[in-house]
Every structure is written in structure tokens, then in C-alpha cells.
PDB file of N, CA and C in Angstrom:
ATOM      1  N   UNK A   1      -3.181  18.201  -0.545  1.00  0.00           N
ATOM      2  CA  UNK A   1      -3.835  17.330   0.403  1.00  0.00           C
ATOM      3  C   UNK A   1      -3.570  15.858   0.078  1.00  0.00           C
ATOM      4  N   UNK A   2      -3.677  15.474  -1.212  1.00  0.00           N
ATOM      5  CA  UNK A   2      -3.435  14.082  -1.607  1.00  0.00           C
ATOM      6  C   UNK A   2      -1.996  13.682  -1.321  1.00  0.00           C
ATOM      7  N   UNK A   3      -1.074  14.580  -1.585  1.00  0.00           N
ATOM      8  CA  UNK A   3       0.337  14.271  -1.328  1.00  0.00           C
ATOM      9  C   UNK A   3       0.602  14.101   0.161  1.00  0.00           C
ATOM     10  N   UNK A   4       0.058  14.989   0.962  1.00  0.00           N
ATOM     11  CA  UNK A   4       0.250  14.905   2.407  1.00  0.00           C
ATOM     12  C   UNK A   4      -0.331  13.632   2.985  1.00  0.00           C
ATOM     13  N   UNK A   5      -1.525  13.269   2.553  1.00  0.00           N
ATOM     14  CA  UNK A   5      -2.149  12.039   3.025  1.00  0.00           C
ATOM     15  C   UNK A   5      -1.327  10.829   2.600  1.00  0.00           C
ATOM     16  N   UNK A   6      -0.803  10.853   1.390  1.00  0.00           N
ATOM     17  CA  UNK A   6       0.021   9.750   0.903  1.00  0.00           C
ATOM     18  C   UNK A   6       1.288   9.611   1.740  1.00  0.00           C
ATOM     19  N   UNK A   7       1.913  10.723   2.079  1.00  0.00           N
ATOM     20  CA  UNK A   7       3.115  10.669   2.916  1.00  0.00           C
ATOM     21  C   UNK A   7       2.780  10.092   4.291  1.00  0.00           C
ATOM     22  N   UNK A   8       1.692  10.526   4.880  1.00  0.00           N
ATOM     23  CA  UNK A   8       1.287  10.012   6.198  1.00  0.00           C
ATOM     24  C   UNK A   8       1.030   8.504   6.117  1.00  0.00           C
ATOM     25  N   UNK A   9       0.326   8.062   5.090  1.00  0.00           N
ATOM     26  CA  UNK A   9       0.064   6.635   4.928  1.00  0.00           C
ATOM     27  C   UNK A   9       1.356   5.849   4.699  1.00  0.00           C
ATOM     28  N   UNK A  10       2.263   6.395   3.902  1.00  0.00           N
ATOM     29  CA  UNK A  10       3.535   5.719   3.650  1.00  0.00           C
ATOM     30  C   UNK A  10       4.351   5.575   4.937  1.00  0.00           C
ATOM     31  N   UNK A  11       4.359   6.607   5.760  1.00  0.00           N
ATOM     32  CA  UNK A  11       5.081   6.531   7.032  1.00  0.00           C
ATOM     33  C   UNK A  11       4.434   5.526   7.981  1.00  0.00           C
ATOM     34  N   UNK A  12       3.120   5.497   8.012  1.00  0.00           N
ATOM     35  CA  UNK A  12       2.416   4.528   8.868  1.00  0.00           C
ATOM     36  C   UNK A  12       2.705   3.102   8.405  1.00  0.00           C
ATOM     37  N   UNK A  13       2.684   2.872   7.109  1.00  0.00           N
ATOM     38  CA  UNK A  13       2.985   1.541   6.578  1.00  0.00           C
ATOM     39  C   UNK A  13       4.415   1.151   6.916  1.00  0.00           C
ATOM     40  N   UNK A  14       5.349   2.074   6.755  1.00  0.00           N
ATOM     41  CA  UNK A  14       6.744   1.779   7.090  1.00  0.00           C
ATOM     42  C   UNK A  14       6.880   1.403   8.560  1.00  0.00           C
ATOM     43  N   UNK A  15       6.259   2.165   9.421  1.00  0.00           N
ATOM     44  CA  UNK A  15       6.356   1.874  10.854  1.00  0.00           C
ATOM     45  C   UNK A  15       5.762   0.509  11.174  1.00  0.00           C
ATOM     46  N   UNK A  16       4.609   0.217  10.620  1.00  0.00           N
ATOM     47  CA  UNK A  16       3.939  -1.038  10.942  1.00  0.00           C
ATOM     48  C   UNK A  16       4.615  -2.258  10.329  1.00  0.00           C
ATOM     49  N   UNK A  17       5.333  -2.076   9.237  1.00  0.00           N
ATOM     50  CA  UNK A  17       5.969  -3.218   8.579  1.00  0.00           C
ATOM     51  C   UNK A  17       7.443  -3.378   8.921  1.00  0.00           C
ATOM     52  N   UNK A  18       8.042  -2.357   9.521  1.00  0.00           N
ATOM     53  CA  UNK A  18       9.475  -2.448   9.817  1.00  0.00           C
ATOM     54  C   UNK A  18       9.785  -2.554  11.307  1.00  0.00           C
ATOM     55  N   UNK A  19       8.830  -2.263  12.159  1.00  0.00           N
ATOM     56  CA  UNK A  19       9.047  -2.438  13.597  1.00  0.00           C
ATOM     57  C   UNK A  19       8.874  -3.909  13.953  1.00  0.00           C
ATOM     58  N   UNK A  20       9.498  -4.370  15.036  1.00  0.00           N
ATOM     59  CA  UNK A  20       9.334  -5.776  15.426  1.00  0.00           C
ATOM     60  C   UNK A  20       7.876  -6.113  15.725  1.00  0.00           C
ATOM     61  N   UNK A  21       7.537  -7.388  15.494  1.00  0.00           N
ATOM     62  CA  UNK A  21       6.193  -7.862  15.823  1.00  0.00           C
ATOM     63  C   UNK A  21       5.935  -7.685  17.307  1.00  0.00           C
ATOM     64  N   UNK A  22       4.754  -7.257  17.685  1.00  0.00           N
ATOM     65  CA  UNK A  22       4.443  -7.202  19.116  1.00  0.00           C
ATOM     66  C   UNK A  22       4.257  -8.626  19.644  1.00  0.00           C
ATOM     67  N   UNK A  23       4.622  -8.862  20.909  1.00  0.00           N
ATOM     68  CA  UNK A  23       4.434 -10.209  21.447  1.00  0.00           C
ATOM     69  C   UNK A  23       2.954 -10.548  21.557  1.00  0.00           C
ATOM     70  N   UNK A  24       2.661 -11.802  21.458  1.00  0.00           N
ATOM     71  CA  UNK A  24       1.278 -12.240  21.576  1.00  0.00           C
ATOM     72  C   UNK A  24       1.002 -13.428  20.698  1.00  0.00           C
ATOM     73  N   UNK A  25      -0.205 -13.923  20.749  1.00  0.00           N
ATOM     74  CA  UNK A  25      -0.546 -15.097  19.941  1.00  0.00           C
ATOM     75  C   UNK A  25      -0.583 -14.743  18.455  1.00  0.00           C
ATOM     76  N   UNK A  26      -0.360 -15.730  17.607  1.00  0.00           N
ATOM     77  CA  UNK A  26      -0.429 -15.454  16.164  1.00  0.00           C
ATOM     78  C   UNK A  26      -1.847 -15.073  15.765  1.00  0.00           C
ATOM     79  N   UNK A  27      -1.937 -14.285  14.712  1.00  0.00           N
ATOM     80  CA  UNK A  27      -3.239 -13.821  14.243  1.00  0.00           C
ATOM     81  C   UNK A  27      -3.934 -14.840  13.367  1.00  0.00           C
ATOM     82  N   UNK A  28      -5.001 -14.428  12.757  1.00  0.00           N
ATOM     83  CA  UNK A  28      -5.791 -15.273  11.865  1.00  0.00           C
ATOM     84  C   UNK A  28      -4.989 -15.560  10.602  1.00  0.00           C
ATOM     85  N   UNK A  29      -5.006 -16.810  10.161  1.00  0.00           N
ATOM     86  CA  UNK A  29      -4.283 -17.219   8.952  1.00  0.00           C
ATOM     87  C   UNK A  29      -4.749 -16.410   7.747  1.00  0.00           C
ATOM     88  N   UNK A  30      -3.820 -15.800   7.016  1.00  0.00           N
ATOM     89  CA  UNK A  30      -4.143 -15.037   5.818  1.00  0.00           C
ATOM     90  C   UNK A  30      -4.525 -13.585   6.061  1.00  0.00           C
ATOM     91  N   UNK A  31      -4.766 -13.209   7.298  1.00  0.00           N
ATOM     92  CA  UNK A  31      -5.170 -11.837   7.602  1.00  0.00           C
ATOM     93  C   UNK A  31      -4.061 -10.851   7.221  1.00  0.00           C
ATOM     94  N   UNK A  32      -2.814 -11.283   7.369  1.00  0.00           N
ATOM     95  CA  UNK A  32      -1.668 -10.437   7.027  1.00  0.00           C
ATOM     96  C   UNK A  32      -1.740  -9.987   5.571  1.00  0.00           C
ATOM     97  N   UNK A  33      -2.102 -10.891   4.679  1.00  0.00           N
ATOM     98  CA  UNK A  33      -2.164 -10.544   3.248  1.00  0.00           C
ATOM     99  C   UNK A  33      -3.310  -9.571   2.975  1.00  0.00           C
ATOM    100  N   UNK A  34      -4.425  -9.765   3.649  1.00  0.00           N
ATOM    101  CA  UNK A  34      -5.545  -8.838   3.501  1.00  0.00           C
ATOM    102  C   UNK A  34      -5.160  -7.449   3.987  1.00  0.00           C
ATOM    103  N   UNK A  35      -4.432  -7.384   5.078  1.00  0.00           N
ATOM    104  CA  UNK A  35      -3.973  -6.092   5.604  1.00  0.00           C
ATOM    105  C   UNK A  35      -3.033  -5.428   4.612  1.00  0.00           C
ATOM    106  N   UNK A  36      -2.133  -6.190   4.016  1.00  0.00           N
ATOM    107  CA  UNK A  36      -1.237  -5.630   2.991  1.00  0.00           C
ATOM    108  C   UNK A  36      -2.046  -5.076   1.821  1.00  0.00           C
ATOM    109  N   UNK A  37      -3.002  -5.847   1.336  1.00  0.00           N
ATOM    110  CA  UNK A  37      -3.828  -5.421   0.211  1.00  0.00           C
ATOM    111  C   UNK A  37      -4.544  -4.110   0.532  1.00  0.00           C
ATOM    112  N   UNK A  38      -5.172  -4.043   1.688  1.00  0.00           N
ATOM    113  CA  UNK A  38      -5.921  -2.833   2.059  1.00  0.00           C
ATOM    114  C   UNK A  38      -5.000  -1.638   2.293  1.00  0.00           C
ATOM    115  N   UNK A  39      -3.851  -1.873   2.922  1.00  0.00           N
ATOM    116  CA  UNK A  39      -2.918  -0.773   3.195  1.00  0.00           C
ATOM    117  C   UNK A  39      -2.404  -0.155   1.897  1.00  0.00           C
ATOM    118  N   UNK A  40      -2.069  -0.993   0.933  1.00  0.00           N
ATOM    119  CA  UNK A  40      -1.520  -0.453  -0.310  1.00  0.00           C
ATOM    120  C   UNK A  40      -2.597   0.104  -1.226  1.00  0.00           C
ATOM    121  N   UNK A  41      -3.828  -0.381  -1.092  1.00  0.00           N
ATOM    122  CA  UNK A  41      -4.939   0.261  -1.794  1.00  0.00           C
ATOM    123  C   UNK A  41      -5.133   1.667  -1.240  1.00  0.00           C
ATOM    124  N   UNK A  42      -5.071   1.791   0.081  1.00  0.00           N
ATOM    125  CA  UNK A  42      -5.212   3.110   0.713  1.00  0.00           C
ATOM    126  C   UNK A  42      -4.040   4.022   0.347  1.00  0.00           C
ATOM    127  N   UNK A  43      -2.842   3.466   0.263  1.00  0.00           N
ATOM    128  CA  UNK A  43      -1.669   4.264  -0.093  1.00  0.00           C
ATOM    129  C   UNK A  43      -1.784   4.843  -1.501  1.00  0.00           C
ATOM    130  N   UNK A  44      -2.258   4.053  -2.446  1.00  0.00           N
ATOM    131  CA  UNK A  44      -2.336   4.498  -3.840  1.00  0.00           C
ATOM    132  C   UNK A  44      -3.542   5.391  -4.118  1.00  0.00           C
ATOM    133  N   UNK A  45      -4.578   5.265  -3.330  1.00  0.00           N
ATOM    134  CA  UNK A  45      -5.839   5.944  -3.636  1.00  0.00           C
ATOM    135  C   UNK A  45      -5.763   7.476  -3.696  1.00  0.00           C
ATOM    136  N   UNK A  46      -5.163   8.167  -2.727  1.00  0.00           N
ATOM    137  CA  UNK A  46      -5.223   9.638  -2.779  1.00  0.00           C
ATOM    138  C   UNK A  46      -4.598  10.246  -4.042  1.00  0.00           C
ATOM    139  N   UNK A  47      -3.427   9.757  -4.429  1.00  0.00           N
ATOM    140  CA  UNK A  47      -2.786  10.320  -5.623  1.00  0.00           C
ATOM    141  C   UNK A  47      -3.501   9.904  -6.901  1.00  0.00           C
ATOM    142  N   UNK A  48      -4.034   8.686  -6.926  1.00  0.00           N
ATOM    143  CA  UNK A  48      -4.789   8.251  -8.109  1.00  0.00           C
ATOM    144  C   UNK A  48      -6.080   9.045  -8.241  1.00  0.00           C
ATOM    145  N   UNK A  49      -6.680   9.395  -7.127  1.00  0.00           N
ATOM    146  CA  UNK A  49      -7.890  10.237  -7.137  1.00  0.00           C
ATOM    147  C   UNK A  49      -7.545  11.616  -7.699  1.00  0.00           C
ATOM    148  N   UNK A  50      -6.439  12.169  -7.209  1.00  0.00           N
ATOM    149  CA  UNK A  50      -6.034  13.524  -7.605  1.00  0.00           C
ATOM    150  C   UNK A  50      -5.527  13.568  -9.042  1.00  0.00           C
ATOM    151  N   UNK A  51      -4.818  12.521  -9.460  1.00  0.00           N
ATOM    152  CA  UNK A  51      -4.236  12.458 -10.805  1.00  0.00           C
ATOM    153  C   UNK A  51      -4.731  11.187 -11.512  1.00  0.00           C
ATOM    154  N   UNK A  52      -6.002  11.136 -11.874  1.00  0.00           N
ATOM    155  CA  UNK A  52      -6.572   9.888 -12.409  1.00  0.00           C
ATOM    156  C   UNK A  52      -5.938   9.409 -13.709  1.00  0.00           C
ATOM    157  N   UNK A  53      -5.371  10.306 -14.502  1.00  0.00           N
ATOM    158  CA  UNK A  53      -4.727   9.884 -15.751  1.00  0.00           C
ATOM    159  C   UNK A  53      -3.403   9.176 -15.505  1.00  0.00           C
ATOM    160  N   UNK A  54      -2.902   9.246 -14.286  1.00  0.00           N
ATOM    161  CA  UNK A  54      -1.603   8.643 -13.949  1.00  0.00           C
ATOM    162  C   UNK A  54      -1.748   7.529 -12.922  1.00  0.00           C
ATOM    163  N   UNK A  55      -2.931   6.915 -12.852  1.00  0.00           N
ATOM    164  CA  UNK A  55      -3.184   5.917 -11.824  1.00  0.00           C
ATOM    165  C   UNK A  55      -2.227   4.733 -11.900  1.00  0.00           C
ATOM    166  N   UNK A  56      -1.835   4.311 -13.103  1.00  0.00           N
ATOM    167  CA  UNK A  56      -0.936   3.162 -13.227  1.00  0.00           C
ATOM    168  C   UNK A  56       0.453   3.489 -12.678  1.00  0.00           C
ATOM    169  N   UNK A  57       0.925   4.712 -12.908  1.00  0.00           N
ATOM    170  CA  UNK A  57       2.228   5.112 -12.360  1.00  0.00           C
ATOM    171  C   UNK A  57       2.172   5.197 -10.841  1.00  0.00           C
ATOM    172  N   UNK A  58       1.059   5.681 -10.324  1.00  0.00           N
ATOM    173  CA  UNK A  58       0.869   5.735  -8.872  1.00  0.00           C
ATOM    174  C   UNK A  58       0.927   4.318  -8.303  1.00  0.00           C
ATOM    175  N   UNK A  59       0.239   3.389  -8.948  1.00  0.00           N
ATOM    176  CA  UNK A  59       0.228   2.004  -8.486  1.00  0.00           C
ATOM    177  C   UNK A  59       1.615   1.378  -8.557  1.00  0.00           C
ATOM    178  N   UNK A  60       2.338   1.641  -9.636  1.00  0.00           N
ATOM    179  CA  UNK A  60       3.707   1.124  -9.752  1.00  0.00           C
ATOM    180  C   UNK A  60       4.606   1.675  -8.659  1.00  0.00           C
ATOM    181  N   UNK A  61       4.460   2.949  -8.348  1.00  0.00           N
ATOM    182  CA  UNK A  61       5.268   3.544  -7.280  1.00  0.00           C
ATOM    183  C   UNK A  61       4.932   2.909  -5.934  1.00  0.00           C
ATOM    184  N   UNK A  62       3.655   2.672  -5.675  1.00  0.00           N
ATOM    185  CA  UNK A  62       3.257   2.025  -4.421  1.00  0.00           C
ATOM    186  C   UNK A  62       3.800   0.601  -4.362  1.00  0.00           C
ATOM    187  N   UNK A  63       3.731  -0.115  -5.478  1.00  0.00           N
ATOM    188  CA  UNK A  63       4.274  -1.467  -5.531  1.00  0.00           C
ATOM    189  C   UNK A  63       5.784  -1.459  -5.282  1.00  0.00           C
ATOM    190  N   UNK A  64       6.487  -0.519  -5.885  1.00  0.00           N
ATOM    191  CA  UNK A  64       7.929  -0.408  -5.660  1.00  0.00           C
ATOM    192  C   UNK A  64       8.234  -0.140  -4.185  1.00  0.00           C
ATOM    193  N   UNK A  65       7.427   0.704  -3.562  1.00  0.00           N
ATOM    194  CA  UNK A  65       7.583   0.981  -2.133  1.00  0.00           C
ATOM    195  C   UNK A  65       7.415  -0.305  -1.327  1.00  0.00           C
ATOM    196  N   UNK A  66       6.418  -1.101  -1.668  1.00  0.00           N
ATOM    197  CA  UNK A  66       6.224  -2.379  -0.996  1.00  0.00           C
ATOM    198  C   UNK A  66       7.412  -3.311  -1.202  1.00  0.00           C
ATOM    199  N   UNK A  67       7.966  -3.310  -2.400  1.00  0.00           N
ATOM    200  CA  UNK A  67       9.147  -4.132  -2.677  1.00  0.00           C
ATOM    201  C   UNK A  67      10.343  -3.717  -1.854  1.00  0.00           C
ATOM    202  N   UNK A  68      10.550  -2.413  -1.736  1.00  0.00           N
ATOM    203  CA  UNK A  68      11.666  -1.916  -0.914  1.00  0.00           C
ATOM    204  C   UNK A  68      11.477  -2.325   0.545  1.00  0.00           C
ATOM    205  N   UNK A  69      10.255  -2.233   1.031  1.00  0.00           N
ATOM    206  CA  UNK A  69       9.983  -2.645   2.411  1.00  0.00           C
ATOM    207  C   UNK A  69      10.346  -4.119   2.600  1.00  0.00           C
ATOM    208  N   UNK A  70       9.972  -4.962   1.647  1.00  0.00           N
ATOM    209  CA  UNK A  70      10.288  -6.388   1.764  1.00  0.00           C
ATOM    210  C   UNK A  70      11.791  -6.638   1.728  1.00  0.00           C
ATOM    211  N   UNK A  71      12.526  -5.842   0.982  1.00  0.00           N
ATOM    212  CA  UNK A  71      13.991  -5.972   0.943  1.00  0.00           C
ATOM    213  C   UNK A  71      14.603  -5.567   2.277  1.00  0.00           C
ATOM    214  N   UNK A  72      14.044  -4.549   2.913  1.00  0.00           N
ATOM    215  CA  UNK A  72      14.589  -4.032   4.176  1.00  0.00           C
ATOM    216  C   UNK A  72      14.205  -4.915   5.365  1.00  0.00           C
ATOM    217  N   UNK A  73      13.057  -5.551   5.331  1.00  0.00           N
ATOM    218  CA  UNK A  73      12.554  -6.292   6.486  1.00  0.00           C
ATOM    219  C   UNK A  73      13.544  -7.288   7.092  1.00  0.00           C
ATOM    220  N   UNK A  74      14.275  -8.087   6.315  1.00  0.00           N
ATOM    221  CA  UNK A  74      15.217  -9.019   6.954  1.00  0.00           C
ATOM    222  C   UNK A  74      16.322  -8.320   7.755  1.00  0.00           C
ATOM    223  N   UNK A  75      16.588  -7.073   7.455  1.00  0.00           N
ATOM    224  CA  UNK A  75      17.624  -6.323   8.161  1.00  0.00           C
ATOM    225  C   UNK A  75      17.133  -5.736   9.477  1.00  0.00           C
ATOM    226  N   UNK A  76      15.832  -5.822   9.724  1.00  0.00           N
ATOM    227  CA  UNK A  76      15.269  -5.295  10.972  1.00  0.00           C
ATOM    228  C   UNK A  76      14.557  -6.394  11.761  1.00  0.00           C
ATOM    229  N   UNK A  77      14.910  -7.642  11.483  1.00  0.00           N
ATOM    230  CA  UNK A  77      14.361  -8.750  12.241  1.00  0.00           C
ATOM    231  C   UNK A  77      12.993  -9.234  11.799  1.00  0.00           C
ATOM    232  N   UNK A  78      12.565  -8.846  10.626  1.00  0.00           N
ATOM    233  CA  UNK A  78      11.278  -9.310  10.083  1.00  0.00           C
ATOM    234  C   UNK A  78      11.565 -10.225   8.895  1.00  0.00           C
ATOM    235  N   UNK A  79      10.588 -10.957   8.453  1.00  0.00           N
ATOM    236  CA  UNK A  79      10.750 -11.871   7.322  1.00  0.00           C
ATOM    237  C   UNK A  79      10.166 -11.250   6.053  1.00  0.00           C
ATOM    238  N   UNK A  80      10.906 -11.350   4.974  1.00  0.00           N
ATOM    239  CA  UNK A  80      10.419 -10.898   3.670  1.00  0.00           C
ATOM    240  C   UNK A  80       9.608 -12.023   3.042  1.00  0.00           C
ATOM    241  N   UNK A  81       8.495 -11.682   2.402  1.00  0.00           N
ATOM    242  CA  UNK A  81       7.651 -12.682   1.756  1.00  0.00           C
ATOM    243  C   UNK A  81       7.208 -12.184   0.391  1.00  0.00           C
ATOM    244  N   UNK A  82       7.379 -13.034  -0.604  1.00  0.00           N
ATOM    245  CA  UNK A  82       6.901 -12.696  -1.943  1.00  0.00           C
ATOM    246  C   UNK A  82       5.392 -12.513  -1.984  1.00  0.00           C
ATOM    247  N   UNK A  83       4.682 -13.270  -1.154  1.00  0.00           N
ATOM    248  CA  UNK A  83       3.223 -13.137  -1.118  1.00  0.00           C
ATOM    249  C   UNK A  83       2.810 -11.758  -0.614  1.00  0.00           C
ATOM    250  N   UNK A  84       3.629 -11.141   0.236  1.00  0.00           N
ATOM    251  CA  UNK A  84       3.334  -9.779   0.686  1.00  0.00           C
ATOM    252  C   UNK A  84       3.440  -8.796  -0.474  1.00  0.00           C
ATOM    253  N   UNK A  85       4.451  -8.969  -1.311  1.00  0.00           N
ATOM    254  CA  UNK A  85       4.616  -8.082  -2.476  1.00  0.00           C
ATOM    255  C   UNK A  85       3.436  -8.268  -3.438  1.00  0.00           C
ATOM    256  N   UNK A  86       2.998  -9.500  -3.608  1.00  0.00           N
ATOM    257  CA  UNK A  86       1.840  -9.748  -4.462  1.00  0.00           C
ATOM    258  C   UNK A  86       0.598  -9.051  -3.904  1.00  0.00           C
ATOM    259  N   UNK A  87       0.378  -9.179  -2.598  1.00  0.00           N
ATOM    260  CA  UNK A  87      -0.765  -8.512  -1.968  1.00  0.00           C
ATOM    261  C   UNK A  87      -0.638  -6.994  -2.074  1.00  0.00           C
ATOM    262  N   UNK A  88       0.595  -6.484  -1.896  1.00  0.00           N
ATOM    263  CA  UNK A  88       0.829  -5.045  -2.053  1.00  0.00           C
ATOM    264  C   UNK A  88       0.447  -4.592  -3.460  1.00  0.00           C
ATOM    265  N   UNK A  89       0.889  -5.347  -4.461  1.00  0.00           N
ATOM    266  CA  UNK A  89       0.609  -4.989  -5.848  1.00  0.00           C
ATOM    267  C   UNK A  89      -0.869  -5.045  -6.190  1.00  0.00           C
ATOM    268  N   UNK A  90      -1.537  -6.097  -5.727  1.00  0.00           N
ATOM    269  CA  UNK A  90      -2.978  -6.191  -5.971  1.00  0.00           C
ATOM    270  C   UNK A  90      -3.713  -5.023  -5.322  1.00  0.00           C
ATOM    271  N   UNK A  91      -3.319  -4.698  -4.105  1.00  0.00           N
ATOM    272  CA  UNK A  91      -3.945  -3.568  -3.427  1.00  0.00           C
ATOM    273  C   UNK A  91      -3.645  -2.251  -4.111  1.00  0.00           C
ATOM    274  N   UNK A  92      -2.381  -2.039  -4.480  1.00  0.00           N
ATOM    275  CA  UNK A  92      -1.994  -0.779  -5.112  1.00  0.00           C
ATOM    276  C   UNK A  92      -2.722  -0.577  -6.439  1.00  0.00           C
ATOM    277  N   UNK A  93      -2.740  -1.606  -7.282  1.00  0.00           N
ATOM    278  CA  UNK A  93      -3.391  -1.457  -8.583  1.00  0.00           C
ATOM    279  C   UNK A  93      -4.906  -1.375  -8.441  1.00  0.00           C
ATOM    280  N   UNK A  94      -5.468  -2.193  -7.565  1.00  0.00           N
ATOM    281  CA  UNK A  94      -6.915  -2.132  -7.363  1.00  0.00           C
ATOM    282  C   UNK A  94      -7.352  -0.802  -6.774  1.00  0.00           C
ATOM    283  N   UNK A  95      -6.644  -0.345  -5.753  1.00  0.00           N
ATOM    284  CA  UNK A  95      -6.988   0.925  -5.113  1.00  0.00           C
ATOM    285  C   UNK A  95      -6.792   2.113  -6.042  1.00  0.00           C
ATOM    286  N   UNK A  96      -5.701   2.093  -6.804  1.00  0.00           N
ATOM    287  CA  UNK A  96      -5.436   3.199  -7.731  1.00  0.00           C
ATOM    288  C   UNK A  96      -6.465   3.224  -8.854  1.00  0.00           C
ATOM    289  N   UNK A  97      -6.777   2.059  -9.408  1.00  0.00           N
ATOM    290  CA  UNK A  97      -7.756   1.987 -10.494  1.00  0.00           C
ATOM    291  C   UNK A  97      -9.118   2.498 -10.021  1.00  0.00           C
ATOM    292  N   UNK A  98      -9.564   2.011  -8.863  1.00  0.00           N
ATOM    293  CA  UNK A  98     -10.869   2.404  -8.344  1.00  0.00           C
ATOM    294  C   UNK A  98     -10.907   3.899  -8.010  1.00  0.00           C
ATOM    295  N   UNK A  99      -9.852   4.393  -7.359  1.00  0.00           N
ATOM    296  CA  UNK A  99      -9.804   5.811  -6.995  1.00  0.00           C
ATOM    297  C   UNK A  99      -9.757   6.694  -8.238  1.00  0.00           C
ATOM    298  N   UNK A 100      -9.046   6.262  -9.277  1.00  0.00           N
ATOM    299  CA  UNK A 100      -8.989   7.048 -10.516  1.00  0.00           C
ATOM    300  C   UNK A 100     -10.369   7.140 -11.160  1.00  0.00           C
ATOM    301  N   UNK A 101     -11.117   6.042 -11.144  1.00  0.00           N
ATOM    302  CA  UNK A 101     -12.461   6.068 -11.701  1.00  0.00           C
ATOM    303  C   UNK A 101     -13.350   7.025 -10.911  1.00  0.00           C
ATOM    304  N   UNK A 102     -13.263   6.964  -9.603  1.00  0.00           N
ATOM    305  CA  UNK A 102     -14.033   7.888  -8.773  1.00  0.00           C
ATOM    306  C   UNK A 102     -13.579   9.328  -8.976  1.00  0.00           C
ATOM    307  N   UNK A 103     -12.266   9.520  -9.092  1.00  0.00           N
ATOM    308  CA  UNK A 103     -11.735  10.866  -9.306  1.00  0.00           C
ATOM    309  C   UNK A 103     -12.215  11.487 -10.601  1.00  0.00           C
ATOM    310  N   UNK A 104     -12.233  10.684 -11.658  1.00  0.00           N
ATOM    311  CA  UNK A 104     -12.732  11.183 -12.947  1.00  0.00           C
ATOM    312  C   UNK A 104     -14.218  11.526 -12.860  1.00  0.00           C
ATOM    313  N   UNK A 105     -14.973  10.665 -12.226  1.00  0.00           N
ATOM    314  CA  UNK A 105     -16.403  10.924 -12.076  1.00  0.00           C
ATOM    315  C   UNK A 105     -16.635  12.183 -11.245  1.00  0.00           C
ATOM    316  N   UNK A 106     -15.860  12.362 -10.199  1.00  0.00           N
ATOM    317  CA  UNK A 106     -15.998  13.529  -9.323  1.00  0.00           C
ATOM    318  C   UNK A 106     -15.681  14.808 -10.102  1.00  0.00           C
ATOM    319  N   UNK A 107     -14.669  14.777 -10.967  1.00  0.00           N
ATOM    320  CA  UNK A 107     -14.265  15.970 -11.719  1.00  0.00           C
ATOM    321  C   UNK A 107     -15.304  16.387 -12.742  1.00  0.00           C
ATOM    322  N   UNK A 108     -16.182  15.475 -13.151  1.00  0.00           N
ATOM    323  CA  UNK A 108     -17.196  15.826 -14.138  1.00  0.00           C
ATOM    324  C   UNK A 108     -18.370  16.556 -13.526  1.00  0.00           C
ATOM    325  N   UNK A 109     -18.482  16.548 -12.194  1.00  0.00           N
ATOM    326  CA  UNK A 109     -19.584  17.265 -11.523  1.00  0.00           C
ATOM    327  C   UNK A 109     -19.350  18.733 -11.545  1.00  0.00           C
TER     328      UNK A 109
END
């Protein structure tokens, strides 16, 4: 279940970050970084919950995925930003750490 959810989240993130921006007015300043943080926290959480002893590796894998997305974005008409990778990393490590703590607590019940 954790693996399947992670794959679904990874595909959703890829679609949302690699497709062209929809037309319309610009969004709220800084909201993009918050969305990156939350998306990568959600991406790392299921596997960190399931495998709490490996939460750091899960977070590193999520961060690497975010890095690959940033490398690919200029090739699909999007802009790569280092701040996006930072937000991805903060989200991945924060989400994985928190989910691992919850996962360990859940396993003790």
C-alpha cells in the first residue's frame, strides 16, 4: 500500500511540475515553495511510515526525484529553480522524519 501510494504521488508530482503552466494570473508570492514543501512531504511520508528505520534514505530518494524534475523542467518549457529543490528537500526530510516517528509509535500499539 505504501509503495502504491508513493508511486501515485510521484506521478502526480511529475505531471504537475512538468506540464506547461495553465494560463491565468500569477499566484500568491511564495505559494509555489509551500506547495513544493507539502508535495514532497507527502511523497516521502508513506514509505517512511512503513519503513521508519530507513526514513533518511526515503527522504534522500525524494530529494533526488525533485532534483531530476528540476533538471528536466527547462526541456519542457518550465524554469528550474534552486529554491524549488530546497523546498523539496525540506519537505522530504520533514515529512519522512515525522512519518517515521508516527510509524514507530503506531507499531508499538
